[in-house]
Amino acid sequence: MKEARLYVDFNEMIEEDLVLLSKTDIKTDSEGKTIKLKEGLHIKIYSDDLNSCNEVDNLIANGIVELNTHGGWTSEVKWCCRIDSKGIYNESQE
């Protein structure tokens, strides 16, 4: 990756532009740096992906950290990421 990002699983979308992020206040980015999560923090996120030739082409997005206010199956997760208007795209499209 060109820059450090926080890992998410885009299969854990709870709204069209909201993905589960973390159960705790601390998350480690792709370069090993510890990030303290807080409401309103701008972050860059990614999920592993491959292109049609089986080469790494991660899915990426940018967004803002939000406290998880959804219940049910998401209740164990404290933080979410609200993805910006650019949405989710492959790193090769950057």
PDB file of N, CA and C in Angstrom:
ATOM      1  N   MET A   1       0.818  -1.181   0.000  1.00  0.00           N
ATOM      2  CA  MET A   1       0.000   0.000   0.000  1.00  0.00           C
ATOM      3  C   MET A   1       0.864   1.248   0.000  1.00  0.00           C
ATOM      4  N   LYS A   2       0.345   2.282  -0.600  1.00  0.00           N
ATOM      5  CA  LYS A   2       1.077   3.538  -0.690  1.00  0.00           C
ATOM      6  C   LYS A   2       1.144   4.282   0.638  1.00  0.00           C
ATOM      7  N   GLU A   3       0.132   4.067   1.491  1.00  0.00           N
ATOM      8  CA  GLU A   3       0.084   4.743   2.786  1.00  0.00           C
ATOM      9  C   GLU A   3      -0.575   3.840   3.812  1.00  0.00           C
ATOM     10  N   ALA A   4      -0.318   4.136   5.072  1.00  0.00           N
ATOM     11  CA  ALA A   4      -0.859   3.310   6.158  1.00  0.00           C
ATOM     12  C   ALA A   4      -2.383   3.402   6.196  1.00  0.00           C
ATOM     13  N   ARG A   5      -3.008   2.256   6.461  1.00  0.00           N
ATOM     14  CA  ARG A   5      -4.466   2.175   6.552  1.00  0.00           C
ATOM     15  C   ARG A   5      -4.845   1.213   7.658  1.00  0.00           C
ATOM     16  N   LEU A   6      -6.063   1.358   8.164  1.00  0.00           N
ATOM     17  CA  LEU A   6      -6.607   0.445   9.169  1.00  0.00           C
ATOM     18  C   LEU A   6      -7.400  -0.645   8.460  1.00  0.00           C
ATOM     19  N   TYR A   7      -7.229  -1.886   8.911  1.00  0.00           N
ATOM     20  CA  TYR A   7      -7.931  -3.007   8.298  1.00  0.00           C
ATOM     21  C   TYR A   7      -9.387  -3.050   8.751  1.00  0.00           C
ATOM     22  N   VAL A   8     -10.284  -3.291   7.803  1.00  0.00           N
ATOM     23  CA  VAL A   8     -11.693  -3.563   8.075  1.00  0.00           C
ATOM     24  C   VAL A   8     -12.109  -4.745   7.210  1.00  0.00           C
ATOM     25  N   ASP A   9     -13.257  -5.293   7.509  1.00  0.00           N
ATOM     26  CA  ASP A   9     -13.844  -6.336   6.678  1.00  0.00           C
ATOM     27  C   ASP A   9     -15.074  -5.726   6.022  1.00  0.00           C
ATOM     28  N   PHE A  10     -15.004  -5.456   4.715  1.00  0.00           N
ATOM     29  CA  PHE A  10     -16.111  -4.816   4.029  1.00  0.00           C
ATOM     30  C   PHE A  10     -17.346  -5.720   3.941  1.00  0.00           C
ATOM     31  N   ASN A  11     -17.236  -6.958   4.391  1.00  0.00           N
ATOM     32  CA  ASN A  11     -18.413  -7.819   4.519  1.00  0.00           C
ATOM     33  C   ASN A  11     -19.209  -7.460   5.770  1.00  0.00           C
ATOM     34  N   GLU A  12     -18.660  -6.581   6.609  1.00  0.00           N
ATOM     35  CA  GLU A  12     -19.314  -6.165   7.844  1.00  0.00           C
ATOM     36  C   GLU A  12     -19.897  -4.755   7.728  1.00  0.00           C
ATOM     37  N   MET A  13     -20.495  -4.480   6.581  1.00  0.00           N
ATOM     38  CA  MET A  13     -21.179  -3.197   6.372  1.00  0.00           C
ATOM     39  C   MET A  13     -22.521  -3.244   7.102  1.00  0.00           C
ATOM     40  N   ILE A  14     -22.829  -2.188   7.841  1.00  0.00           N
ATOM     41  CA  ILE A  14     -24.123  -2.149   8.518  1.00  0.00           C
ATOM     42  C   ILE A  14     -25.055  -1.102   7.906  1.00  0.00           C
ATOM     43  N   GLU A  15     -24.510  -0.258   7.080  1.00  0.00           N
ATOM     44  CA  GLU A  15     -25.255   0.656   6.229  1.00  0.00           C
ATOM     45  C   GLU A  15     -24.472   0.741   4.931  1.00  0.00           C
ATOM     46  N   GLU A  16     -25.037   1.378   3.931  1.00  0.00           N
ATOM     47  CA  GLU A  16     -24.362   1.477   2.633  1.00  0.00           C
ATOM     48  C   GLU A  16     -22.983   2.119   2.738  1.00  0.00           C
ATOM     49  N   ASP A  17     -22.809   3.020   3.721  1.00  0.00           N
ATOM     50  CA  ASP A  17     -21.542   3.736   3.875  1.00  0.00           C
ATOM     51  C   ASP A  17     -20.967   3.622   5.288  1.00  0.00           C
ATOM     52  N   LEU A  18     -21.343   2.551   6.005  1.00  0.00           N
ATOM     53  CA  LEU A  18     -20.886   2.390   7.388  1.00  0.00           C
ATOM     54  C   LEU A  18     -20.402   0.961   7.610  1.00  0.00           C
ATOM     55  N   VAL A  19     -19.136   0.841   8.037  1.00  0.00           N
ATOM     56  CA  VAL A  19     -18.533  -0.477   8.257  1.00  0.00           C
ATOM     57  C   VAL A  19     -18.057  -0.584   9.707  1.00  0.00           C
ATOM     58  N   LEU A  20     -18.153  -1.783  10.260  1.00  0.00           N
ATOM     59  CA  LEU A  20     -17.633  -2.030  11.604  1.00  0.00           C
ATOM     60  C   LEU A  20     -16.124  -1.847  11.593  1.00  0.00           C
ATOM     61  N   LEU A  21     -15.583  -1.262  12.658  1.00  0.00           N
ATOM     62  CA  LEU A  21     -14.160  -0.935  12.698  1.00  0.00           C
ATOM     63  C   LEU A  21     -13.415  -1.624  13.833  1.00  0.00           C
ATOM     64  N   SER A  22     -13.875  -1.494  15.081  1.00  0.00           N
ATOM     65  CA  SER A  22     -13.090  -2.010  16.198  1.00  0.00           C
ATOM     66  C   SER A  22     -13.935  -2.198  17.453  1.00  0.00           C
ATOM     67  N   LYS A  23     -13.571  -3.220  18.230  1.00  0.00           N
ATOM     68  CA  LYS A  23     -14.211  -3.461  19.529  1.00  0.00           C
ATOM     69  C   LYS A  23     -13.563  -2.617  20.621  1.00  0.00           C
ATOM     70  N   THR A  24     -12.357  -2.120  20.362  1.00  0.00           N
ATOM     71  CA  THR A  24     -11.592  -1.386  21.375  1.00  0.00           C
ATOM     72  C   THR A  24     -11.218   0.007  20.869  1.00  0.00           C
ATOM     73  N   ASP A  25     -10.634   0.815  21.745  1.00  0.00           N
ATOM     74  CA  ASP A  25     -10.243   2.184  21.396  1.00  0.00           C
ATOM     75  C   ASP A  25      -8.914   2.257  20.649  1.00  0.00           C
ATOM     76  N   ILE A  26      -8.208   1.143  20.571  1.00  0.00           N
ATOM     77  CA  ILE A  26      -6.892   1.112  19.929  1.00  0.00           C
ATOM     78  C   ILE A  26      -6.924   0.148  18.751  1.00  0.00           C
ATOM     79  N   LYS A  27      -6.356   0.585  17.623  1.00  0.00           N
ATOM     80  CA  LYS A  27      -6.256  -0.276  16.445  1.00  0.00           C
ATOM     81  C   LYS A  27      -4.881  -0.040  15.835  1.00  0.00           C
ATOM     82  N   THR A  28      -4.280  -1.075  15.294  1.00  0.00           N
ATOM     83  CA  THR A  28      -2.956  -0.986  14.683  1.00  0.00           C
ATOM     84  C   THR A  28      -3.106  -0.877  13.176  1.00  0.00           C
ATOM     85  N   ASP A  29      -2.405   0.077  12.568  1.00  0.00           N
ATOM     86  CA  ASP A  29      -2.519   0.261  11.120  1.00  0.00           C
ATOM     87  C   ASP A  29      -1.605  -0.706  10.367  1.00  0.00           C
ATOM     88  N   SER A  30      -1.632  -0.632   9.057  1.00  0.00           N
ATOM     89  CA  SER A  30      -0.896  -1.564   8.198  1.00  0.00           C
ATOM     90  C   SER A  30       0.614  -1.431   8.313  1.00  0.00           C
ATOM     91  N   GLU A  31       1.096  -0.367   8.944  1.00  0.00           N
ATOM     92  CA  GLU A  31       2.533  -0.185   9.158  1.00  0.00           C
ATOM     93  C   GLU A  31       2.935  -0.467  10.598  1.00  0.00           C
ATOM     94  N   GLY A  32       1.988  -0.936  11.412  1.00  0.00           N
ATOM     95  CA  GLY A  32       2.288  -1.290  12.796  1.00  0.00           C
ATOM     96  C   GLY A  32       2.134  -0.165  13.802  1.00  0.00           C
ATOM     97  N   LYS A  33       1.678   0.999  13.365  1.00  0.00           N
ATOM     98  CA  LYS A  33       1.493   2.142  14.262  1.00  0.00           C
ATOM     99  C   LYS A  33       0.161   1.999  14.994  1.00  0.00           C
ATOM    100  N   THR A  34       0.172   2.306  16.287  1.00  0.00           N
ATOM    101  CA  THR A  34      -1.030   2.238  17.109  1.00  0.00           C
ATOM    102  C   THR A  34      -1.831   3.529  16.945  1.00  0.00           C
ATOM    103  N   ILE A  35      -3.115   3.372  16.662  1.00  0.00           N
ATOM    104  CA  ILE A  35      -4.009   4.510  16.467  1.00  0.00           C
ATOM    105  C   ILE A  35      -5.074   4.489  17.565  1.00  0.00           C
ATOM    106  N   LYS A  36      -5.258   5.616  18.261  1.00  0.00           N
ATOM    107  CA  LYS A  36      -6.309   5.731  19.266  1.00  0.00           C
ATOM    108  C   LYS A  36      -7.560   6.268  18.574  1.00  0.00           C
ATOM    109  N   LEU A  37      -8.606   5.456  18.572  1.00  0.00           N
ATOM    110  CA  LEU A  37      -9.843   5.831  17.900  1.00  0.00           C
ATOM    111  C   LEU A  37     -10.656   6.784  18.757  1.00  0.00           C
ATOM    112  N   LYS A  38     -11.280   7.753  18.089  1.00  0.00           N
ATOM    113  CA  LYS A  38     -12.170   8.688  18.773  1.00  0.00           C
ATOM    114  C   LYS A  38     -13.160   9.235  17.749  1.00  0.00           C
ATOM    115  N   GLU A  39     -14.285   9.668  18.242  1.00  0.00           N
ATOM    116  CA  GLU A  39     -15.347  10.219  17.405  1.00  0.00           C
ATOM    117  C   GLU A  39     -14.792  11.348  16.530  1.00  0.00           C
ATOM    118  N   GLY A  40     -15.075  11.286  15.217  1.00  0.00           N
ATOM    119  CA  GLY A  40     -14.677  12.344  14.304  1.00  0.00           C
ATOM    120  C   GLY A  40     -13.296  12.210  13.694  1.00  0.00           C
ATOM    121  N   LEU A  41     -12.527  11.211  14.100  1.00  0.00           N
ATOM    122  CA  LEU A  41     -11.177  11.012  13.563  1.00  0.00           C
ATOM    123  C   LEU A  41     -11.250  10.593  12.094  1.00  0.00           C
ATOM    124  N   HIS A  42     -10.531  11.297  11.228  1.00  0.00           N
ATOM    125  CA  HIS A  42     -10.458  10.937   9.814  1.00  0.00           C
ATOM    126  C   HIS A  42      -9.464   9.791   9.659  1.00  0.00           C
ATOM    127  N   ILE A  43      -9.884   8.714   8.979  1.00  0.00           N
ATOM    128  CA  ILE A  43      -9.017   7.553   8.803  1.00  0.00           C
ATOM    129  C   ILE A  43      -9.077   7.036   7.375  1.00  0.00           C
ATOM    130  N   LYS A  44      -8.080   6.241   7.047  1.00  0.00           N
ATOM    131  CA  LYS A  44      -8.019   5.526   5.770  1.00  0.00           C
ATOM    132  C   LYS A  44      -8.116   4.041   6.103  1.00  0.00           C
ATOM    133  N   ILE A  45      -8.973   3.313   5.370  1.00  0.00           N
ATOM    134  CA  ILE A  45      -9.215   1.904   5.666  1.00  0.00           C
ATOM    135  C   ILE A  45      -8.968   1.042   4.433  1.00  0.00           C
ATOM    136  N   TYR A  46      -8.793  -0.273   4.675  1.00  0.00           N
ATOM    137  CA  TYR A  46      -8.604  -1.205   3.560  1.00  0.00           C
ATOM    138  C   TYR A  46      -9.092  -2.591   3.942  1.00  0.00           C
ATOM    139  N   SER A  47      -9.291  -3.393   2.900  1.00  0.00           N
ATOM    140  CA  SER A  47      -9.586  -4.812   3.055  1.00  0.00           C
ATOM    141  C   SER A  47      -8.847  -5.546   1.951  1.00  0.00           C
ATOM    142  N   ASP A  48      -8.356  -6.734   2.262  1.00  0.00           N
ATOM    143  CA  ASP A  48      -7.611  -7.519   1.272  1.00  0.00           C
ATOM    144  C   ASP A  48      -8.479  -7.832   0.063  1.00  0.00           C
ATOM    145  N   ASP A  49      -7.890  -7.738  -1.124  1.00  0.00           N
ATOM    146  CA  ASP A  49      -8.594  -8.105  -2.352  1.00  0.00           C
ATOM    147  C   ASP A  49      -7.561  -8.429  -3.428  1.00  0.00           C
ATOM    148  N   LEU A  50      -7.985  -9.202  -4.407  1.00  0.00           N
ATOM    149  CA  LEU A  50      -7.155  -9.570  -5.554  1.00  0.00           C
ATOM    150  C   LEU A  50      -7.862  -9.160  -6.832  1.00  0.00           C
ATOM    151  N   ASN A  51      -7.079  -8.841  -7.866  1.00  0.00           N
ATOM    152  CA  ASN A  51      -7.682  -8.549  -9.157  1.00  0.00           C
ATOM    153  C   ASN A  51      -7.899  -9.852  -9.934  1.00  0.00           C
ATOM    154  N   SER A  52      -8.312  -9.753 -11.177  1.00  0.00           N
ATOM    155  CA  SER A  52      -8.631 -10.941 -11.974  1.00  0.00           C
ATOM    156  C   SER A  52      -7.409 -11.805 -12.289  1.00  0.00           C
ATOM    157  N   CYS A  53      -6.205 -11.257 -12.104  1.00  0.00           N
ATOM    158  CA  CYS A  53      -4.957 -12.014 -12.332  1.00  0.00           C
ATOM    159  C   CYS A  53      -4.386 -12.530 -11.011  1.00  0.00           C
ATOM    160  N   ASN A  54      -5.174 -12.498  -9.951  1.00  0.00           N
ATOM    161  CA  ASN A  54      -4.759 -12.920  -8.611  1.00  0.00           C
ATOM    162  C   ASN A  54      -3.599 -12.105  -8.048  1.00  0.00           C
ATOM    163  N   GLU A  55      -3.534 -10.840  -8.432  1.00  0.00           N
ATOM    164  CA  GLU A  55      -2.543  -9.922  -7.889  1.00  0.00           C
ATOM    165  C   GLU A  55      -3.212  -9.056  -6.831  1.00  0.00           C
ATOM    166  N   VAL A  56      -2.468  -8.672  -5.809  1.00  0.00           N
ATOM    167  CA  VAL A  56      -3.014  -7.846  -4.728  1.00  0.00           C
ATOM    168  C   VAL A  56      -3.511  -6.513  -5.294  1.00  0.00           C
ATOM    169  N   ASP A  57      -4.748  -6.196  -5.022  1.00  0.00           N
ATOM    170  CA  ASP A  57      -5.368  -4.918  -5.395  1.00  0.00           C
ATOM    171  C   ASP A  57      -6.425  -4.618  -4.334  1.00  0.00           C
ATOM    172  N   ASN A  58      -5.953  -4.224  -3.157  1.00  0.00           N
ATOM    173  CA  ASN A  58      -6.821  -4.050  -1.994  1.00  0.00           C
ATOM    174  C   ASN A  58      -7.963  -3.084  -2.241  1.00  0.00           C
ATOM    175  N   LEU A  59      -9.076  -3.331  -1.559  1.00  0.00           N
ATOM    176  CA  LEU A  59     -10.182  -2.386  -1.532  1.00  0.00           C
ATOM    177  C   LEU A  59      -9.833  -1.332  -0.489  1.00  0.00           C
ATOM    178  N   ILE A  60     -10.032  -0.060  -0.823  1.00  0.00           N
ATOM    179  CA  ILE A  60      -9.687   1.027   0.089  1.00  0.00           C
ATOM    180  C   ILE A  60     -10.825   2.043   0.155  1.00  0.00           C
ATOM    181  N   ALA A  61     -10.805   2.838   1.201  1.00  0.00           N
ATOM    182  CA  ALA A  61     -11.767   3.930   1.372  1.00  0.00           C
ATOM    183  C   ALA A  61     -11.233   4.878   2.437  1.00  0.00           C
ATOM    184  N   ASN A  62     -11.836   6.038   2.496  1.00  0.00           N
ATOM    185  CA  ASN A  62     -11.534   7.021   3.526  1.00  0.00           C
ATOM    186  C   ASN A  62     -12.820   7.301   4.284  1.00  0.00           C
ATOM    187  N   GLY A  63     -12.694   7.676   5.545  1.00  0.00           N
ATOM    188  CA  GLY A  63     -13.903   7.946   6.305  1.00  0.00           C
ATOM    189  C   GLY A  63     -13.622   8.576   7.652  1.00  0.00           C
ATOM    190  N   ILE A  64     -14.673   8.601   8.457  1.00  0.00           N
ATOM    191  CA  ILE A  64     -14.627   9.225   9.774  1.00  0.00           C
ATOM    192  C   ILE A  64     -15.113   8.216  10.813  1.00  0.00           C
ATOM    193  N   VAL A  65     -14.405   8.143  11.934  1.00  0.00           N
ATOM    194  CA  VAL A  65     -14.761   7.224  13.020  1.00  0.00           C
ATOM    195  C   VAL A  65     -16.041   7.711  13.701  1.00  0.00           C
ATOM    196  N   GLU A  66     -16.956   6.752  13.940  1.00  0.00           N
ATOM    197  CA  GLU A  66     -18.207   7.017  14.650  1.00  0.00           C
ATOM    198  C   GLU A  66     -18.397   5.965  15.727  1.00  0.00           C
ATOM    199  N   LEU A  67     -18.998   6.363  16.827  1.00  0.00           N
ATOM    200  CA  LEU A  67     -19.398   5.421  17.859  1.00  0.00           C
ATOM    201  C   LEU A  67     -20.522   4.552  17.301  1.00  0.00           C
ATOM    202  N   ASN A  68     -20.459   3.257  17.537  1.00  0.00           N
ATOM    203  CA  ASN A  68     -21.492   2.343  17.047  1.00  0.00           C
ATOM    204  C   ASN A  68     -22.750   2.491  17.894  1.00  0.00           C
ATOM    205  N   THR A  69     -23.834   2.916  17.255  1.00  0.00           N
ATOM    206  CA  THR A  69     -25.112   3.074  17.954  1.00  0.00           C
ATOM    207  C   THR A  69     -26.128   2.030  17.512  1.00  0.00           C
ATOM    208  N   HIS A  70     -25.701   1.103  16.653  1.00  0.00           N
ATOM    209  CA  HIS A  70     -26.581   0.028  16.193  1.00  0.00           C
ATOM    210  C   HIS A  70     -26.555  -1.099  17.222  1.00  0.00           C
ATOM    211  N   GLY A  71     -27.629  -1.782  17.359  1.00  0.00           N
ATOM    212  CA  GLY A  71     -27.677  -2.896  18.309  1.00  0.00           C
ATOM    213  C   GLY A  71     -27.557  -4.225  17.590  1.00  0.00           C
ATOM    214  N   GLY A  72     -28.186  -5.225  18.150  1.00  0.00           N
ATOM    215  CA  GLY A  72     -28.219  -6.551  17.533  1.00  0.00           C
ATOM    216  C   GLY A  72     -26.840  -7.158  17.364  1.00  0.00           C
ATOM    217  N   TRP A  73     -26.599  -7.730  16.203  1.00  0.00           N
ATOM    218  CA  TRP A  73     -25.363  -8.456  15.938  1.00  0.00           C
ATOM    219  C   TRP A  73     -24.134  -7.562  15.960  1.00  0.00           C
ATOM    220  N   THR A  74     -24.294  -6.235  15.918  1.00  0.00           N
ATOM    221  CA  THR A  74     -23.140  -5.325  15.925  1.00  0.00           C
ATOM    222  C   THR A  74     -22.780  -4.840  17.323  1.00  0.00           C
ATOM    223  N   SER A  75     -23.534  -5.225  18.327  1.00  0.00           N
ATOM    224  CA  SER A  75     -23.398  -4.631  19.659  1.00  0.00           C
ATOM    225  C   SER A  75     -22.042  -4.839  20.328  1.00  0.00           C
ATOM    226  N   GLU A  76     -21.274  -5.831  19.907  1.00  0.00           N
ATOM    227  CA  GLU A  76     -19.949  -6.063  20.505  1.00  0.00           C
ATOM    228  C   GLU A  76     -18.893  -5.094  19.975  1.00  0.00           C
ATOM    229  N   VAL A  77     -19.201  -4.382  18.909  1.00  0.00           N
ATOM    230  CA  VAL A  77     -18.240  -3.476  18.282  1.00  0.00           C
ATOM    231  C   VAL A  77     -18.493  -2.049  18.758  1.00  0.00           C
ATOM    232  N   LYS A  78     -17.435  -1.371  19.214  1.00  0.00           N
ATOM    233  CA  LYS A  78     -17.568  -0.015  19.744  1.00  0.00           C
ATOM    234  C   LYS A  78     -17.520   1.042  18.650  1.00  0.00           C
ATOM    235  N   TRP A  79     -16.627   0.851  17.665  1.00  0.00           N
ATOM    236  CA  TRP A  79     -16.379   1.882  16.656  1.00  0.00           C
ATOM    237  C   TRP A  79     -16.714   1.411  15.247  1.00  0.00           C
ATOM    238  N   CYS A  80     -17.200   2.364  14.447  1.00  0.00           N
ATOM    239  CA  CYS A  80     -17.484   2.144  13.026  1.00  0.00           C
ATOM    240  C   CYS A  80     -16.746   3.214  12.230  1.00  0.00           C
ATOM    241  N   CYS A  81     -16.717   3.029  10.912  1.00  0.00           N
ATOM    242  CA  CYS A  81     -16.173   4.046  10.016  1.00  0.00           C
ATOM    243  C   CYS A  81     -17.253   4.429   9.013  1.00  0.00           C
ATOM    244  N   ARG A  82     -17.572   5.731   8.959  1.00  0.00           N
ATOM    245  CA  ARG A  82     -18.510   6.270   7.974  1.00  0.00           C
ATOM    246  C   ARG A  82     -17.693   6.631   6.739  1.00  0.00           C
ATOM    247  N   ILE A  83     -17.899   5.896   5.670  1.00  0.00           N
ATOM    248  CA  ILE A  83     -17.114   6.054   4.437  1.00  0.00           C
ATOM    249  C   ILE A  83     -17.561   7.314   3.696  1.00  0.00           C
ATOM    250  N   ASP A  84     -16.588   8.060   3.177  1.00  0.00           N
ATOM    251  CA  ASP A  84     -16.904   9.318   2.489  1.00  0.00           C
ATOM    252  C   ASP A  84     -17.584   9.072   1.140  1.00  0.00           C
ATOM    253  N   SER A  85     -17.929  10.140   0.459  1.00  0.00           N
ATOM    254  CA  SER A  85     -18.712  10.058  -0.778  1.00  0.00           C
ATOM    255  C   SER A  85     -17.991   9.371  -1.933  1.00  0.00           C
ATOM    256  N   LYS A  86     -16.680   9.245  -1.863  1.00  0.00           N
ATOM    257  CA  LYS A  86     -15.931   8.548  -2.921  1.00  0.00           C
ATOM    258  C   LYS A  86     -16.200   7.043  -2.865  1.00  0.00           C
ATOM    259  N   GLY A  87     -16.595   6.549  -1.702  1.00  0.00           N
ATOM    260  CA  GLY A  87     -16.958   5.138  -1.554  1.00  0.00           C
ATOM    261  C   GLY A  87     -15.759   4.209  -1.453  1.00  0.00           C
ATOM    262  N   ILE A  88     -16.017   2.945  -1.754  1.00  0.00           N
ATOM    263  CA  ILE A  88     -15.007   1.887  -1.695  1.00  0.00           C
ATOM    264  C   ILE A  88     -14.518   1.610  -3.113  1.00  0.00           C
ATOM    265  N   TYR A  89     -13.204   1.522  -3.278  1.00  0.00           N
ATOM    266  CA  TYR A  89     -12.650   1.298  -4.610  1.00  0.00           C
ATOM    267  C   TYR A  89     -11.341   0.532  -4.481  1.00  0.00           C
ATOM    268  N   ASN A  90     -10.871  -0.019  -5.587  1.00  0.00           N
ATOM    269  CA  ASN A  90      -9.606  -0.749  -5.571  1.00  0.00           C
ATOM    270  C   ASN A  90      -8.432   0.217  -5.572  1.00  0.00           C
ATOM    271  N   GLU A  91      -7.382  -0.192  -4.900  1.00  0.00           N
ATOM    272  CA  GLU A  91      -6.175   0.639  -4.789  1.00  0.00           C
ATOM    273  C   GLU A  91      -5.632   1.036  -6.168  1.00  0.00           C
ATOM    274  N   SER A  92      -5.760   0.174  -7.143  1.00  0.00           N
ATOM    275  CA  SER A  92      -5.268   0.477  -8.499  1.00  0.00           C
ATOM    276  C   SER A  92      -6.032   1.634  -9.151  1.00  0.00           C
ATOM    277  N   GLN A  93      -7.176   1.997  -8.610  1.00  0.00           N
ATOM    278  CA  GLN A  93      -7.973   3.094  -9.148  1.00  0.00           C
ATOM    279  C   GLN A  93      -7.620   4.432  -8.533  1.00  0.00           C
ATOM    280  N   GLU A  94      -6.675   4.446  -7.613  1.00  0.00           N
ATOM    281  CA  GLU A  94      -6.295   5.668  -6.903  1.00  0.00           C
ATOM    282  C   GLU A  94      -5.495   6.568  -7.801  1.00  0.00           C
TER     283      GLU A  94
END
